[in-house]
Amino acid sequence: MQILDCTLRDGGYVNNWNFGEKGIRLIIDSLVDAGIDYIECGFLKEDKKVSGKTFFKQIKELEPFILPEKNYTLMINYGEYGLENFASCKYKNIKLRVAFKKNRQKEALEYIKALMALGYDIFINPMHTNIYSADELFNLINEVNNIMPFGLTIVDTLGNMYEKDVLSVFKLIDNNLNPHIKLGFHSHNSLQLSFSNTKTLLKMKLKHKIIIDSCVSGMGRGAGNLCTELIAKYLNDNYSKEYKILPLLNIMDELKTIYEKTPWGYSTPYYIAAIHSCHPNYATALIKLNLSDPQIDEILSKIPDEEKINFNNELIKKYI
């Protein structure tokens, strides 16, 4: 069991990825000191590089922040970073994670094949994994087995998975996914179940090596994510791991200023979004309008199923 901390990437939705160069160094160095297994440093994007933000236009821009003997990752949202930006892999300690929506799976997997042909280790991250039917998930697993990536990460995008969902999804995958492919879990805390669901996963004693996504202080959009400091301590106490907690406290201290300006964590509007299987940005938009919780519930209950997982600002105006 290993931890992949994505504070600088998923946490960046809170502060527009503007951690500052000093903050980036402190967070990466502290995660190294804590013994975290994988450190996600941000996004690969074609946007112009802005100093102090965790967007990187080229992989080489990460060099000043990292050590050659540690493992790092960068995330690519499929469609935001073209293959023409890549050369043959020079950084075996920097793995790429490619996230995609179900309707773009075919072309995303072709993109991943091309990256692997260049020598990159890839995590495949299908968004909204828990909305795949059993047949769709089985077909995805077959495709992944044919590709043989470094890892497959199950993504609870809306944060509305329950224990029964964790058990059914991971049992199906564990029985059918090639055992040499690492299996990850990225959860969101909309129903305050990230920690509980992760414990459920760990107790399943799967055949695959498990990599757990988390963020320090749970930093992330809306209700946030599994807390790195919680899962690190839990693994220390129950699975004989040896993560150091003090360096994580240093990061938590660094994040206080961001939290005071733009707080994250469990709240009723994000709970309502989760129970209606709606993208958390719907809740964010409605919070800004100072609507009551019952009003938010009424509006989100009217969002058509086909519009729920992709935020549509124009649609939300229709129902206000």
C-alpha atoms as a PDB file:
ATOM      1  CA  MET A   1       0.000   0.000   0.000  1.00  0.00           C
ATOM      2  CA  GLN A   2       1.340   3.394  -1.028  1.00  0.00           C
ATOM      3  CA  ILE A   3       0.252   7.028  -0.920  1.00  0.00           C
ATOM      4  CA  LEU A   4       0.102   9.425  -3.854  1.00  0.00           C
ATOM      5  CA  ASP A   5      -0.259  12.986  -2.580  1.00  0.00           C
ATOM      6  CA  CYS A   6      -1.938  15.352  -5.033  1.00  0.00           C
ATOM      7  CA  THR A   7      -2.119  18.543  -2.949  1.00  0.00           C
ATOM      8  CA  LEU A   8      -0.327  20.596  -5.619  1.00  0.00           C
ATOM      9  CA  ARG A   9      -2.642  19.313  -8.356  1.00  0.00           C
ATOM     10  CA  ASP A  10      -6.116  18.566  -7.003  1.00  0.00           C
ATOM     11  CA  GLY A  11      -5.672  20.978  -4.119  1.00  0.00           C
ATOM     12  CA  GLY A  12      -4.918  23.673  -6.669  1.00  0.00           C
ATOM     13  CA  TYR A  13      -8.605  23.954  -7.582  1.00  0.00           C
ATOM     14  CA  VAL A  14      -8.929  25.947  -4.358  1.00  0.00           C
ATOM     15  CA  ASN A  15      -6.304  28.645  -5.054  1.00  0.00           C
ATOM     16  CA  ASN A  16      -6.061  28.529  -8.852  1.00  0.00           C
ATOM     17  CA  TRP A  17      -2.842  26.500  -8.437  1.00  0.00           C
ATOM     18  CA  ASN A  18      -1.019  29.588  -7.188  1.00  0.00           C
ATOM     19  CA  PHE A  19       1.153  28.137  -4.400  1.00  0.00           C
ATOM     20  CA  GLY A  20       4.166  30.337  -5.157  1.00  0.00           C
ATOM     21  CA  GLU A  21       7.614  28.910  -5.849  1.00  0.00           C
ATOM     22  CA  LYS A  22       8.498  28.935  -2.156  1.00  0.00           C
ATOM     23  CA  GLY A  23       5.286  27.104  -1.308  1.00  0.00           C
ATOM     24  CA  ILE A  24       5.809  24.527  -4.061  1.00  0.00           C
ATOM     25  CA  ARG A  25       9.308  23.783  -2.783  1.00  0.00           C
ATOM     26  CA  LEU A  26       8.141  23.535   0.830  1.00  0.00           C
ATOM     27  CA  ILE A  27       5.292  21.161  -0.047  1.00  0.00           C
ATOM     28  CA  ILE A  28       7.393  18.880  -2.274  1.00  0.00           C
ATOM     29  CA  ASP A  29      10.357  18.820   0.129  1.00  0.00           C
ATOM     30  CA  SER A  30       8.079  18.112   3.100  1.00  0.00           C
ATOM     31  CA  LEU A  31       6.306  15.282   1.281  1.00  0.00           C
ATOM     32  CA  VAL A  32       9.720  13.795   0.475  1.00  0.00           C
ATOM     33  CA  ASP A  33      10.718  14.118   4.151  1.00  0.00           C
ATOM     34  CA  ALA A  34       7.448  12.429   5.176  1.00  0.00           C
ATOM     35  CA  GLY A  35       8.259   9.449   2.960  1.00  0.00           C
ATOM     36  CA  ILE A  36       5.215   9.840   0.711  1.00  0.00           C
ATOM     37  CA  ASP A  37       5.596   7.377  -2.150  1.00  0.00           C
ATOM     38  CA  TYR A  38       4.392   9.506  -5.083  1.00  0.00           C
ATOM     39  CA  ILE A  39       4.144  13.297  -5.235  1.00  0.00           C
ATOM     40  CA  GLU A  40       1.863  14.822  -7.844  1.00  0.00           C
ATOM     41  CA  CYS A  41       3.320  18.214  -8.729  1.00  0.00           C
ATOM     42  CA  GLY A  42       0.538  19.622 -10.885  1.00  0.00           C
ATOM     43  CA  PHE A  43      -0.824  19.573 -14.430  1.00  0.00           C
ATOM     44  CA  LEU A  44       0.831  19.360 -17.814  1.00  0.00           C
ATOM     45  CA  LYS A  45      -1.007  22.018 -19.834  1.00  0.00           C
ATOM     46  CA  GLU A  46      -0.384  23.967 -22.995  1.00  0.00           C
ATOM     47  CA  ASP A  47      -1.197  27.240 -21.209  1.00  0.00           C
ATOM     48  CA  LYS A  48       1.567  29.791 -20.829  1.00  0.00           C
ATOM     49  CA  LYS A  49       3.700  28.927 -17.806  1.00  0.00           C
ATOM     50  CA  VAL A  50       3.111  31.281 -14.881  1.00  0.00           C
ATOM     51  CA  SER A  51       5.752  31.433 -12.166  1.00  0.00           C
ATOM     52  CA  GLY A  52       4.525  29.998  -8.867  1.00  0.00           C
ATOM     53  CA  LYS A  53       1.645  28.011 -10.384  1.00  0.00           C
ATOM     54  CA  THR A  54       1.576  24.236 -10.601  1.00  0.00           C
ATOM     55  CA  PHE A  55       0.903  24.195 -14.342  1.00  0.00           C
ATOM     56  CA  PHE A  56       3.847  22.965 -16.373  1.00  0.00           C
ATOM     57  CA  LYS A  57       4.155  23.470 -20.118  1.00  0.00           C
ATOM     58  CA  GLN A  58       7.090  21.035 -20.348  1.00  0.00           C
ATOM     59  CA  ILE A  59       8.137  18.195 -18.060  1.00  0.00           C
ATOM     60  CA  LYS A  60      11.634  19.686 -17.788  1.00  0.00           C
ATOM     61  CA  GLU A  61      10.149  22.689 -15.914  1.00  0.00           C
ATOM     62  CA  LEU A  62       9.749  20.351 -12.941  1.00  0.00           C
ATOM     63  CA  GLU A  63      13.508  19.730 -12.670  1.00  0.00           C
ATOM     64  CA  PRO A  64      14.302  22.508 -10.125  1.00  0.00           C
ATOM     65  CA  PHE A  65      11.791  21.074  -7.651  1.00  0.00           C
ATOM     66  CA  ILE A  66      12.544  17.346  -7.623  1.00  0.00           C
ATOM     67  CA  LEU A  67      15.116  14.711  -6.686  1.00  0.00           C
ATOM     68  CA  PRO A  68      16.176  11.958  -9.111  1.00  0.00           C
ATOM     69  CA  GLU A  69      15.626   9.110  -6.639  1.00  0.00           C
ATOM     70  CA  LYS A  70      12.008  10.012  -5.724  1.00  0.00           C
ATOM     71  CA  ASN A  71       8.762   9.315  -7.600  1.00  0.00           C
ATOM     72  CA  TYR A  72       6.656  12.172  -8.958  1.00  0.00           C
ATOM     73  CA  THR A  73       3.602  12.464 -11.183  1.00  0.00           C
ATOM     74  CA  LEU A  74       1.977  15.039 -13.444  1.00  0.00           C
ATOM     75  CA  MET A  75      -1.674  14.970 -14.487  1.00  0.00           C
ATOM     76  CA  ILE A  76      -2.983  15.458 -18.018  1.00  0.00           C
ATOM     77  CA  ASN A  77      -6.661  16.055 -18.672  1.00  0.00           C
ATOM     78  CA  TYR A  78      -7.084  14.360 -22.026  1.00  0.00           C
ATOM     79  CA  GLY A  79      -7.455  16.970 -24.768  1.00  0.00           C
ATOM     80  CA  GLU A  80      -5.442  19.663 -22.961  1.00  0.00           C
ATOM     81  CA  TYR A  81      -1.925  18.551 -23.944  1.00  0.00           C
ATOM     82  CA  GLY A  82      -1.080  17.316 -27.425  1.00  0.00           C
ATOM     83  CA  LEU A  83       1.259  14.478 -28.324  1.00  0.00           C
ATOM     84  CA  GLU A  84       3.402  16.909 -30.331  1.00  0.00           C
ATOM     85  CA  ASN A  85       4.665  18.313 -27.019  1.00  0.00           C
ATOM     86  CA  PHE A  86       6.426  15.048 -26.127  1.00  0.00           C
ATOM     87  CA  ALA A  87       9.811  13.608 -26.955  1.00  0.00           C
ATOM     88  CA  SER A  88      11.156  10.261 -25.789  1.00  0.00           C
ATOM     89  CA  CYS A  89      10.966   9.894 -22.013  1.00  0.00           C
ATOM     90  CA  LYS A  90      14.021  11.175 -20.115  1.00  0.00           C
ATOM     91  CA  TYR A  91      12.486  11.132 -16.642  1.00  0.00           C
ATOM     92  CA  LYS A  92      11.605   7.627 -15.459  1.00  0.00           C
ATOM     93  CA  ASN A  93      10.863   8.970 -11.972  1.00  0.00           C
ATOM     94  CA  ILE A  94       8.111  11.251 -13.360  1.00  0.00           C
ATOM     95  CA  LYS A  95       5.009   9.259 -14.195  1.00  0.00           C
ATOM     96  CA  LEU A  96       2.060  10.690 -16.104  1.00  0.00           C
ATOM     97  CA  ARG A  97      -1.580  10.336 -15.140  1.00  0.00           C
ATOM     98  CA  VAL A  98      -4.108  10.714 -17.951  1.00  0.00           C
ATOM     99  CA  ALA A  99      -7.688  11.520 -16.935  1.00  0.00           C
ATOM    100  CA  PHE A 100     -10.607  11.258 -19.348  1.00  0.00           C
ATOM    101  CA  LYS A 101     -14.381  11.105 -19.451  1.00  0.00           C
ATOM    102  CA  LYS A 102     -16.200   7.964 -20.522  1.00  0.00           C
ATOM    103  CA  ASN A 103     -17.328   9.412 -23.861  1.00  0.00           C
ATOM    104  CA  ARG A 104     -13.668  10.023 -24.834  1.00  0.00           C
ATOM    105  CA  GLN A 105     -12.277   6.696 -23.675  1.00  0.00           C
ATOM    106  CA  LYS A 106     -11.375   5.320 -27.109  1.00  0.00           C
ATOM    107  CA  GLU A 107      -9.238   8.258 -28.229  1.00  0.00           C
ATOM    108  CA  ALA A 108      -7.768   8.721 -24.740  1.00  0.00           C
ATOM    109  CA  LEU A 109      -6.510   5.143 -24.722  1.00  0.00           C
ATOM    110  CA  GLU A 110      -4.889   5.670 -28.122  1.00  0.00           C
ATOM    111  CA  TYR A 111      -3.180   8.761 -26.691  1.00  0.00           C
ATOM    112  CA  ILE A 112      -1.945   6.672 -23.761  1.00  0.00           C
ATOM    113  CA  LYS A 113      -0.568   4.003 -26.106  1.00  0.00           C
ATOM    114  CA  ALA A 114       1.411   6.689 -27.933  1.00  0.00           C
ATOM    115  CA  LEU A 115       2.861   7.996 -24.645  1.00  0.00           C
ATOM    116  CA  MET A 116       3.855   4.493 -23.565  1.00  0.00           C
ATOM    117  CA  ALA A 117       5.562   3.962 -26.926  1.00  0.00           C
ATOM    118  CA  LEU A 118       7.729   6.973 -26.029  1.00  0.00           C
ATOM    119  CA  GLY A 119       8.731   5.269 -22.777  1.00  0.00           C
ATOM    120  CA  TYR A 120       6.436   6.962 -20.242  1.00  0.00           C
ATOM    121  CA  ASP A 121       4.923   5.137 -17.263  1.00  0.00           C
ATOM    122  CA  ILE A 122       1.202   5.928 -17.270  1.00  0.00           C
ATOM    123  CA  PHE A 123      -1.614   5.867 -14.748  1.00  0.00           C
ATOM    124  CA  ILE A 124      -4.997   5.565 -16.483  1.00  0.00           C
ATOM    125  CA  ASN A 125      -7.582   7.679 -14.630  1.00  0.00           C
ATOM    126  CA  PRO A 126     -11.155   7.187 -15.939  1.00  0.00           C
ATOM    127  CA  MET A 127     -13.286   9.934 -14.395  1.00  0.00           C
ATOM    128  CA  HIS A 128     -16.602   9.006 -12.772  1.00  0.00           C
ATOM    129  CA  THR A 129     -15.535   5.365 -12.680  1.00  0.00           C
ATOM    130  CA  ASN A 130     -18.442   4.418 -10.438  1.00  0.00           C
ATOM    131  CA  ILE A 131     -21.020   5.404 -13.083  1.00  0.00           C
ATOM    132  CA  TYR A 132     -19.666   2.758 -15.475  1.00  0.00           C
ATOM    133  CA  SER A 133     -21.988  -0.203 -15.826  1.00  0.00           C
ATOM    134  CA  ALA A 134     -20.498  -3.621 -15.046  1.00  0.00           C
ATOM    135  CA  ASP A 135     -20.197  -4.340 -18.774  1.00  0.00           C
ATOM    136  CA  GLU A 136     -18.550  -0.960 -19.455  1.00  0.00           C
ATOM    137  CA  LEU A 137     -16.116  -1.470 -16.604  1.00  0.00           C
ATOM    138  CA  PHE A 138     -15.298  -4.989 -17.770  1.00  0.00           C
ATOM    139  CA  ASN A 139     -14.642  -3.710 -21.292  1.00  0.00           C
ATOM    140  CA  LEU A 140     -12.419  -0.946 -19.907  1.00  0.00           C
ATOM    141  CA  ILE A 141     -10.425  -3.503 -17.912  1.00  0.00           C
ATOM    142  CA  ASN A 142      -9.879  -5.585 -21.050  1.00  0.00           C
ATOM    143  CA  GLU A 143      -8.602  -2.503 -22.881  1.00  0.00           C
ATOM    144  CA  VAL A 144      -6.302  -1.661 -19.972  1.00  0.00           C
ATOM    145  CA  ASN A 145      -4.957  -5.227 -19.886  1.00  0.00           C
ATOM    146  CA  ASN A 146      -4.098  -4.956 -23.568  1.00  0.00           C
ATOM    147  CA  ILE A 147      -2.210  -1.707 -22.954  1.00  0.00           C
ATOM    148  CA  MET A 148      -0.487  -2.764 -19.694  1.00  0.00           C
ATOM    149  CA  PRO A 149       0.010   0.677 -18.119  1.00  0.00           C
ATOM    150  CA  PHE A 150       1.778   1.315 -14.840  1.00  0.00           C
ATOM    151  CA  GLY A 151      -1.495   1.803 -12.990  1.00  0.00           C
ATOM    152  CA  LEU A 152      -5.276   2.157 -13.162  1.00  0.00           C
ATOM    153  CA  THR A 153      -6.900   4.644 -10.769  1.00  0.00           C
ATOM    154  CA  ILE A 154     -10.562   4.379  -9.812  1.00  0.00           C
ATOM    155  CA  VAL A 155     -11.948   7.914  -9.515  1.00  0.00           C
ATOM    156  CA  ASP A 156     -14.938   8.769  -7.317  1.00  0.00           C
ATOM    157  CA  THR A 157     -15.351  12.114  -9.079  1.00  0.00           C
ATOM    158  CA  LEU A 158     -18.603  13.135  -7.400  1.00  0.00           C
ATOM    159  CA  GLY A 159     -17.718  11.743  -3.981  1.00  0.00           C
ATOM    160  CA  ASN A 160     -20.886   9.674  -3.800  1.00  0.00           C
ATOM    161  CA  MET A 161     -19.528   6.137  -3.531  1.00  0.00           C
ATOM    162  CA  TYR A 162     -20.652   4.043  -0.572  1.00  0.00           C
ATOM    163  CA  GLU A 163     -18.974   0.983   0.926  1.00  0.00           C
ATOM    164  CA  LYS A 164     -21.053  -1.331  -1.270  1.00  0.00           C
ATOM    165  CA  ASP A 165     -19.835   0.538  -4.359  1.00  0.00           C
ATOM    166  CA  VAL A 166     -16.196   0.233  -3.297  1.00  0.00           C
ATOM    167  CA  LEU A 167     -16.628  -3.485  -2.681  1.00  0.00           C
ATOM    168  CA  SER A 168     -18.363  -4.204  -5.987  1.00  0.00           C
ATOM    169  CA  VAL A 169     -16.127  -2.044  -8.207  1.00  0.00           C
ATOM    170  CA  PHE A 170     -12.823  -3.183  -6.739  1.00  0.00           C
ATOM    171  CA  LYS A 171     -13.853  -6.846  -6.573  1.00  0.00           C
ATOM    172  CA  LEU A 172     -14.680  -6.809 -10.287  1.00  0.00           C
ATOM    173  CA  ILE A 173     -11.404  -5.068 -11.122  1.00  0.00           C
ATOM    174  CA  ASP A 174      -9.241  -7.207  -8.863  1.00  0.00           C
ATOM    175  CA  ASN A 175     -10.635 -10.381 -10.439  1.00  0.00           C
ATOM    176  CA  ASN A 176     -10.049  -9.218 -14.010  1.00  0.00           C
ATOM    177  CA  LEU A 177      -7.203  -6.689 -14.110  1.00  0.00           C
ATOM    178  CA  ASN A 178      -3.701  -7.993 -14.844  1.00  0.00           C
ATOM    179  CA  PRO A 179      -2.077  -8.375 -11.377  1.00  0.00           C
ATOM    180  CA  HIS A 180       1.060  -6.508 -12.500  1.00  0.00           C
ATOM    181  CA  ILE A 181      -0.931  -3.284 -12.979  1.00  0.00           C
ATOM    182  CA  LYS A 182      -1.096  -1.148  -9.843  1.00  0.00           C
ATOM    183  CA  LEU A 183      -4.565  -0.192  -8.650  1.00  0.00           C
ATOM    184  CA  GLY A 184      -5.303   3.296  -7.345  1.00  0.00           C
ATOM    185  CA  PHE A 185      -8.220   5.011  -5.622  1.00  0.00           C
ATOM    186  CA  HIS A 186      -9.005   8.731  -5.846  1.00  0.00           C
ATOM    187  CA  SER A 187     -11.940   9.693  -3.631  1.00  0.00           C
ATOM    188  CA  HIS A 188     -13.707  12.941  -2.771  1.00  0.00           C
ATOM    189  CA  ASN A 189     -15.211  13.715   0.595  1.00  0.00           C
ATOM    190  CA  SER A 190     -18.653  15.044  -0.359  1.00  0.00           C
ATOM    191  CA  LEU A 191     -20.390  12.512   1.913  1.00  0.00           C
ATOM    192  CA  GLN A 192     -17.541  12.406   4.454  1.00  0.00           C
ATOM    193  CA  LEU A 193     -16.751   8.853   3.320  1.00  0.00           C
ATOM    194  CA  SER A 194     -13.256   9.194   1.816  1.00  0.00           C
ATOM    195  CA  PHE A 195     -11.489   7.785   4.873  1.00  0.00           C
ATOM    196  CA  SER A 196     -14.106   5.107   5.513  1.00  0.00           C
ATOM    197  CA  ASN A 197     -14.137   3.970   1.870  1.00  0.00           C
ATOM    198  CA  THR A 198     -10.346   3.800   1.819  1.00  0.00           C
ATOM    199  CA  LYS A 199     -10.342   1.630   4.946  1.00  0.00           C
ATOM    200  CA  THR A 200     -12.879  -0.641   3.243  1.00  0.00           C
ATOM    201  CA  LEU A 201     -10.586  -0.932   0.229  1.00  0.00           C
ATOM    202  CA  LEU A 202      -7.534  -1.748   2.348  1.00  0.00           C
ATOM    203  CA  LYS A 203      -9.391  -4.483   4.221  1.00  0.00           C
ATOM    204  CA  MET A 204     -10.307  -6.247   0.965  1.00  0.00           C
ATOM    205  CA  LYS A 205      -6.775  -7.732   0.714  1.00  0.00           C
ATOM    206  CA  LEU A 206      -6.655  -7.439  -3.051  1.00  0.00           C
ATOM    207  CA  LYS A 207      -4.087  -9.112  -5.308  1.00  0.00           C
ATOM    208  CA  HIS A 208      -2.938  -5.764  -6.689  1.00  0.00           C
ATOM    209  CA  LYS A 209      -0.568  -3.236  -5.194  1.00  0.00           C
ATOM    210  CA  ILE A 210      -2.716  -0.338  -3.956  1.00  0.00           C
ATOM    211  CA  ILE A 211      -1.926   3.376  -4.387  1.00  0.00           C
ATOM    212  CA  ILE A 212      -4.146   5.761  -2.435  1.00  0.00           C
ATOM    213  CA  ASP A 213      -4.646   9.377  -3.559  1.00  0.00           C
ATOM    214  CA  SER A 214      -4.838  12.035  -0.871  1.00  0.00           C
ATOM    215  CA  CYS A 215      -4.181  15.720  -0.177  1.00  0.00           C
ATOM    216  CA  VAL A 216      -2.729  17.368   2.904  1.00  0.00           C
ATOM    217  CA  SER A 217      -5.593  18.757   5.022  1.00  0.00           C
ATOM    218  CA  GLY A 218      -7.881  17.229   2.396  1.00  0.00           C
ATOM    219  CA  MET A 219      -7.288  20.309   0.234  1.00  0.00           C
ATOM    220  CA  GLY A 220      -9.482  20.274  -2.851  1.00  0.00           C
ATOM    221  CA  ARG A 221     -12.466  21.713  -4.641  1.00  0.00           C
ATOM    222  CA  GLY A 222     -15.688  21.752  -2.669  1.00  0.00           C
ATOM    223  CA  ALA A 223     -15.720  19.090   0.024  1.00  0.00           C
ATOM    224  CA  GLY A 224     -12.093  18.209  -0.669  1.00  0.00           C
ATOM    225  CA  ASN A 225     -10.264  14.895  -0.595  1.00  0.00           C
ATOM    226  CA  LEU A 226      -8.930  12.191   1.677  1.00  0.00           C
ATOM    227  CA  CYS A 227      -6.452  13.760   4.126  1.00  0.00           C
ATOM    228  CA  THR A 228      -2.839  12.654   3.639  1.00  0.00           C
ATOM    229  CA  GLU A 229      -2.085  13.057   7.331  1.00  0.00           C
ATOM    230  CA  LEU A 230      -5.024  10.819   8.300  1.00  0.00           C
ATOM    231  CA  ILE A 231      -4.261   7.962   5.936  1.00  0.00           C
ATOM    232  CA  ALA A 232      -0.516   8.160   6.657  1.00  0.00           C
ATOM    233  CA  LYS A 233      -1.107   7.788  10.411  1.00  0.00           C
ATOM    234  CA  TYR A 234      -3.641   5.017   9.818  1.00  0.00           C
ATOM    235  CA  LEU A 235      -1.207   3.051   7.655  1.00  0.00           C
ATOM    236  CA  ASN A 236       1.541   3.559  10.250  1.00  0.00           C
ATOM    237  CA  ASP A 237      -0.642   2.229  13.041  1.00  0.00           C
ATOM    238  CA  ASN A 238      -2.336  -0.625  11.190  1.00  0.00           C
ATOM    239  CA  TYR A 239      -0.082  -1.694   8.325  1.00  0.00           C
ATOM    240  CA  SER A 240       3.441  -1.124   9.718  1.00  0.00           C
ATOM    241  CA  LYS A 241       4.209   1.821   7.440  1.00  0.00           C
ATOM    242  CA  GLU A 242       6.696   4.471   8.545  1.00  0.00           C
ATOM    243  CA  TYR A 243       5.462   7.790   7.198  1.00  0.00           C
ATOM    244  CA  LYS A 244       6.670  10.825   9.157  1.00  0.00           C
ATOM    245  CA  ILE A 245       3.856  13.073  10.335  1.00  0.00           C
ATOM    246  CA  LEU A 246       5.797  16.214  11.364  1.00  0.00           C
ATOM    247  CA  PRO A 247       6.655  17.230   7.772  1.00  0.00           C
ATOM    248  CA  LEU A 248       2.952  16.966   6.927  1.00  0.00           C
ATOM    249  CA  LEU A 249       2.184  19.354   9.793  1.00  0.00           C
ATOM    250  CA  ASN A 250       4.584  21.840   8.216  1.00  0.00           C
ATOM    251  CA  ILE A 251       2.531  21.707   5.019  1.00  0.00           C
ATOM    252  CA  MET A 252      -0.717  22.087   6.959  1.00  0.00           C
ATOM    253  CA  ASP A 253       0.718  25.219   8.536  1.00  0.00           C
ATOM    254  CA  GLU A 254       1.633  26.529   5.064  1.00  0.00           C
ATOM    255  CA  LEU A 255      -1.923  25.913   3.812  1.00  0.00           C
ATOM    256  CA  LYS A 256      -3.626  27.814   6.653  1.00  0.00           C
ATOM    257  CA  THR A 257      -3.438  31.147   4.826  1.00  0.00           C
ATOM    258  CA  ILE A 258      -5.074  29.638   1.740  1.00  0.00           C
ATOM    259  CA  TYR A 259      -7.803  28.021   3.849  1.00  0.00           C
ATOM    260  CA  GLU A 260      -8.577  31.284   5.623  1.00  0.00           C
ATOM    261  CA  LYS A 261      -9.096  32.989   2.265  1.00  0.00           C
ATOM    262  CA  THR A 262     -10.852  30.134   0.435  1.00  0.00           C
ATOM    263  CA  PRO A 263     -12.001  27.360   2.774  1.00  0.00           C
ATOM    264  CA  TRP A 264     -12.743  23.816   1.615  1.00  0.00           C
ATOM    265  CA  GLY A 265     -14.256  20.775   3.271  1.00  0.00           C
ATOM    266  CA  TYR A 266     -17.595  19.186   3.995  1.00  0.00           C
ATOM    267  CA  SER A 267     -20.606  21.482   3.659  1.00  0.00           C
ATOM    268  CA  THR A 268     -24.299  21.024   3.041  1.00  0.00           C
ATOM    269  CA  PRO A 269     -24.354  22.328  -0.572  1.00  0.00           C
ATOM    270  CA  TYR A 270     -21.646  19.857  -1.633  1.00  0.00           C
ATOM    271  CA  TYR A 271     -23.487  17.093   0.192  1.00  0.00           C
ATOM    272  CA  ILE A 272     -26.610  18.018  -1.788  1.00  0.00           C
ATOM    273  CA  ALA A 273     -24.652  17.977  -5.047  1.00  0.00           C
ATOM    274  CA  ALA A 274     -23.324  14.506  -4.222  1.00  0.00           C
ATOM    275  CA  ILE A 275     -26.705  12.973  -3.376  1.00  0.00           C
ATOM    276  CA  HIS A 276     -28.063  14.286  -6.693  1.00  0.00           C
ATOM    277  CA  SER A 277     -24.935  12.992  -8.519  1.00  0.00           C
ATOM    278  CA  CYS A 278     -24.163  16.530  -9.727  1.00  0.00           C
ATOM    279  CA  HIS A 279     -20.774  18.071 -10.455  1.00  0.00           C
ATOM    280  CA  PRO A 280     -19.580  20.061  -7.392  1.00  0.00           C
ATOM    281  CA  ASN A 281     -19.302  23.220  -9.498  1.00  0.00           C
ATOM    282  CA  TYR A 282     -23.108  23.366  -9.496  1.00  0.00           C
ATOM    283  CA  ALA A 283     -22.980  23.710  -5.723  1.00  0.00           C
ATOM    284  CA  THR A 284     -20.193  26.300  -5.981  1.00  0.00           C
ATOM    285  CA  ALA A 285     -22.263  28.425  -8.375  1.00  0.00           C
ATOM    286  CA  LEU A 286     -25.323  28.286  -6.145  1.00  0.00           C
ATOM    287  CA  ILE A 287     -23.362  29.068  -2.982  1.00  0.00           C
ATOM    288  CA  LYS A 288     -22.210  32.320  -4.613  1.00  0.00           C
ATOM    289  CA  LEU A 289     -25.871  33.312  -5.032  1.00  0.00           C
ATOM    290  CA  ASN A 290     -26.485  32.983  -1.269  1.00  0.00           C
ATOM    291  CA  LEU A 291     -29.334  30.537  -1.816  1.00  0.00           C
ATOM    292  CA  SER A 292     -30.660  28.479   1.060  1.00  0.00           C
ATOM    293  CA  ASP A 293     -29.902  24.766   1.301  1.00  0.00           C
ATOM    294  CA  PRO A 294     -33.531  23.797   0.471  1.00  0.00           C
ATOM    295  CA  GLN A 295     -33.384  26.075  -2.588  1.00  0.00           C
ATOM    296  CA  ILE A 296     -30.131  24.443  -3.712  1.00  0.00           C
ATOM    297  CA  ASP A 297     -31.698  21.011  -3.251  1.00  0.00           C
ATOM    298  CA  GLU A 298     -34.743  22.002  -5.306  1.00  0.00           C
ATOM    299  CA  ILE A 299     -32.614  23.358  -8.165  1.00  0.00           C
ATOM    300  CA  LEU A 300     -30.192  20.432  -8.302  1.00  0.00           C
ATOM    301  CA  SER A 301     -33.068  17.933  -8.257  1.00  0.00           C
ATOM    302  CA  LYS A 302     -34.171  19.376 -11.613  1.00  0.00           C
ATOM    303  CA  ILE A 303     -30.840  18.945 -13.418  1.00  0.00           C
ATOM    304  CA  PRO A 304     -31.329  16.328 -16.191  1.00  0.00           C
ATOM    305  CA  ASP A 305     -29.288  13.153 -15.744  1.00  0.00           C
ATOM    306  CA  GLU A 306     -27.301  13.750 -18.928  1.00  0.00           C
ATOM    307  CA  GLU A 307     -26.190  17.181 -17.631  1.00  0.00           C
ATOM    308  CA  LYS A 308     -25.267  16.247 -14.066  1.00  0.00           C
ATOM    309  CA  ILE A 309     -21.630  15.223 -14.383  1.00  0.00           C
ATOM    310  CA  ASN A 310     -20.552  18.155 -16.567  1.00  0.00           C
ATOM    311  CA  PHE A 311     -21.085  21.617 -15.105  1.00  0.00           C
ATOM    312  CA  ASN A 312     -23.240  23.819 -17.346  1.00  0.00           C
ATOM    313  CA  ASN A 313     -23.450  27.406 -16.125  1.00  0.00           C
ATOM    314  CA  GLU A 314     -26.138  28.352 -18.627  1.00  0.00           C
ATOM    315  CA  LEU A 315     -28.298  25.434 -17.569  1.00  0.00           C
ATOM    316  CA  ILE A 316     -28.100  26.359 -13.899  1.00  0.00           C
ATOM    317  CA  LYS A 317     -29.397  29.869 -14.726  1.00  0.00           C
ATOM    318  CA  LYS A 318     -32.488  28.266 -16.287  1.00  0.00           C
ATOM    319  CA  TYR A 319     -33.525  26.713 -12.986  1.00  0.00           C
ATOM    320  CA  ILE A 320     -32.791  29.607 -10.634  1.00  0.00           C
END
